[in-house]
C-alpha atoms as a PDB file:
ATOM      1  CA  MET A   1      88.781 101.268 122.919  1.00  0.00           C
ATOM      2  CA  SER A   2      88.313 104.180 121.122  1.00  0.00           C
ATOM      3  CA  ARG A   3      86.690 104.268 117.446  1.00  0.00           C
ATOM      4  CA  ILE A   4      86.896 106.948 114.968  1.00  0.00           C
ATOM      5  CA  ALA A   5      84.770 106.859 111.545  1.00  0.00           C
ATOM      6  CA  ILE A   6      86.121 108.275 108.334  1.00  0.00           C
ATOM      7  CA  LEU A   7      83.986 109.756 106.013  1.00  0.00           C
ATOM      8  CA  THR A   8      84.282 111.268 102.003  1.00  0.00           C
ATOM      9  CA  GLY A   9      81.661 113.479 100.769  1.00  0.00           C
ATOM     10  CA  GLY A  10      81.264 115.739  97.632  1.00  0.00           C
ATOM     11  CA  GLY A  11      82.854 113.352  94.825  1.00  0.00           C
ATOM     12  CA  ASP A  12      86.072 111.615  93.998  1.00  0.00           C
ATOM     13  CA  CYS A  13      89.350 113.441  93.733  1.00  0.00           C
ATOM     14  CA  PRO A  14      93.042 112.478  93.806  1.00  0.00           C
ATOM     15  CA  GLY A  15      94.762 111.632  97.430  1.00  0.00           C
ATOM     16  CA  LEU A  16      91.792 110.556  99.078  1.00  0.00           C
ATOM     17  CA  ASN A  17      93.061 107.027  99.304  1.00  0.00           C
ATOM     18  CA  ALA A  18      95.987 108.559 100.136  1.00  0.00           C
ATOM     19  CA  VAL A  19      94.662 110.490 103.098  1.00  0.00           C
ATOM     20  CA  ILE A  20      92.596 106.868 104.205  1.00  0.00           C
ATOM     21  CA  ARG A  21      95.316 105.102 104.575  1.00  0.00           C
ATOM     22  CA  ALA A  22      97.548 108.013 106.523  1.00  0.00           C
ATOM     23  CA  VAL A  23      94.537 108.498 108.695  1.00  0.00           C
ATOM     24  CA  VAL A  24      94.036 104.760 109.456  1.00  0.00           C
ATOM     25  CA  ARG A  25      97.728 104.324 110.287  1.00  0.00           C
ATOM     26  CA  ARG A  26      98.116 106.828 112.792  1.00  0.00           C
ATOM     27  CA  MET A  27      94.630 105.544 114.436  1.00  0.00           C
ATOM     28  CA  VAL A  28      95.444 102.260 114.709  1.00  0.00           C
ATOM     29  CA  ALA A  29      99.346 102.737 115.989  1.00  0.00           C
ATOM     30  CA  ALA A  30      97.538 105.533 118.622  1.00  0.00           C
ATOM     31  CA  GLY A  31      95.432 102.221 119.706  1.00  0.00           C
ATOM     32  CA  TRP A  32      92.110 103.561 117.996  1.00  0.00           C
ATOM     33  CA  GLU A  33      89.472 101.166 115.602  1.00  0.00           C
ATOM     34  CA  VAL A  34      88.651 102.649 112.673  1.00  0.00           C
ATOM     35  CA  GLU A  35      85.914 102.185 110.015  1.00  0.00           C
ATOM     36  CA  GLY A  36      84.851 103.696 107.034  1.00  0.00           C
ATOM     37  CA  VAL A  37      81.435 105.098 106.185  1.00  0.00           C
ATOM     38  CA  ARG A  38      80.562 103.893 102.779  1.00  0.00           C
ATOM     39  CA  ALA A  39      78.520 106.298 100.189  1.00  0.00           C
ATOM     40  CA  GLY A  40      79.406 109.379 101.830  1.00  0.00           C
ATOM     41  CA  TRP A  41      76.387 111.174 103.527  1.00  0.00           C
ATOM     42  CA  ARG A  42      74.315 108.325 103.085  1.00  0.00           C
ATOM     43  CA  GLY A  43      76.303 106.265 104.953  1.00  0.00           C
ATOM     44  CA  LEU A  44      75.472 108.067 107.931  1.00  0.00           C
ATOM     45  CA  VAL A  45      71.547 108.352 107.475  1.00  0.00           C
ATOM     46  CA  ASP A  46      71.686 104.351 106.638  1.00  0.00           C
ATOM     47  CA  PRO A  47      74.405 103.407 108.374  1.00  0.00           C
ATOM     48  CA  GLN A  48      77.285 101.830 106.030  1.00  0.00           C
ATOM     49  CA  LEU A  49      80.194 100.950 107.904  1.00  0.00           C
ATOM     50  CA  VAL A  50      82.843  99.063 107.073  1.00  0.00           C
ATOM     51  CA  PRO A  51      86.326  98.445 109.503  1.00  0.00           C
ATOM     52  CA  LEU A  52      89.425  99.775 108.337  1.00  0.00           C
ATOM     53  CA  GLY A  53      92.769  98.740 109.708  1.00  0.00           C
ATOM     54  CA  ALA A  54      96.639  97.967 107.589  1.00  0.00           C
ATOM     55  CA  ARG A  55      94.997  95.193 105.164  1.00  0.00           C
ATOM     56  CA  GLU A  56      91.993  97.186 103.832  1.00  0.00           C
ATOM     57  CA  THR A  57      94.338 100.173 103.361  1.00  0.00           C
ATOM     58  CA  SER A  58      97.560  98.605 101.756  1.00  0.00           C
ATOM     59  CA  GLY A  59      98.459  99.172  98.069  1.00  0.00           C
ATOM     60  CA  LEU A  60      95.618 102.724  98.040  1.00  0.00           C
ATOM     61  CA  LEU A  61      98.606 104.976  97.072  1.00  0.00           C
ATOM     62  CA  PRO A  62      98.878 104.492  93.482  1.00  0.00           C
ATOM     63  CA  ARG A  63      94.601 104.208  93.517  1.00  0.00           C
ATOM     64  CA  GLY A  64      92.712 107.172  92.258  1.00  0.00           C
ATOM     65  CA  GLY A  65      89.434 108.294  94.118  1.00  0.00           C
ATOM     66  CA  THR A  66      88.536 106.352  97.393  1.00  0.00           C
ATOM     67  CA  ILE A  67      87.757 102.682  98.626  1.00  0.00           C
ATOM     68  CA  ILE A  68      84.757 103.897 100.409  1.00  0.00           C
ATOM     69  CA  GLY A  69      82.872 106.135  97.980  1.00  0.00           C
ATOM     70  CA  THR A  70      80.955 109.282  98.777  1.00  0.00           C
ATOM     71  CA  SER A  71      77.347 110.625  98.039  1.00  0.00           C
END
């Protein structure tokens, strides 16, 4: 199975959770595993990965910012 990681860097902004949700839904439907990189770029240097799926991204549309954090 293929995997992809999502990283948000540079600070919170409206709409990031909606984008995360859309990417997760699309990639899971295509058979991919999706992981979120916590704490932005720092999460790549000091690996901080969390699995993202339907359960983790459910109900995100009304929430601002990002569920995985930024650096």
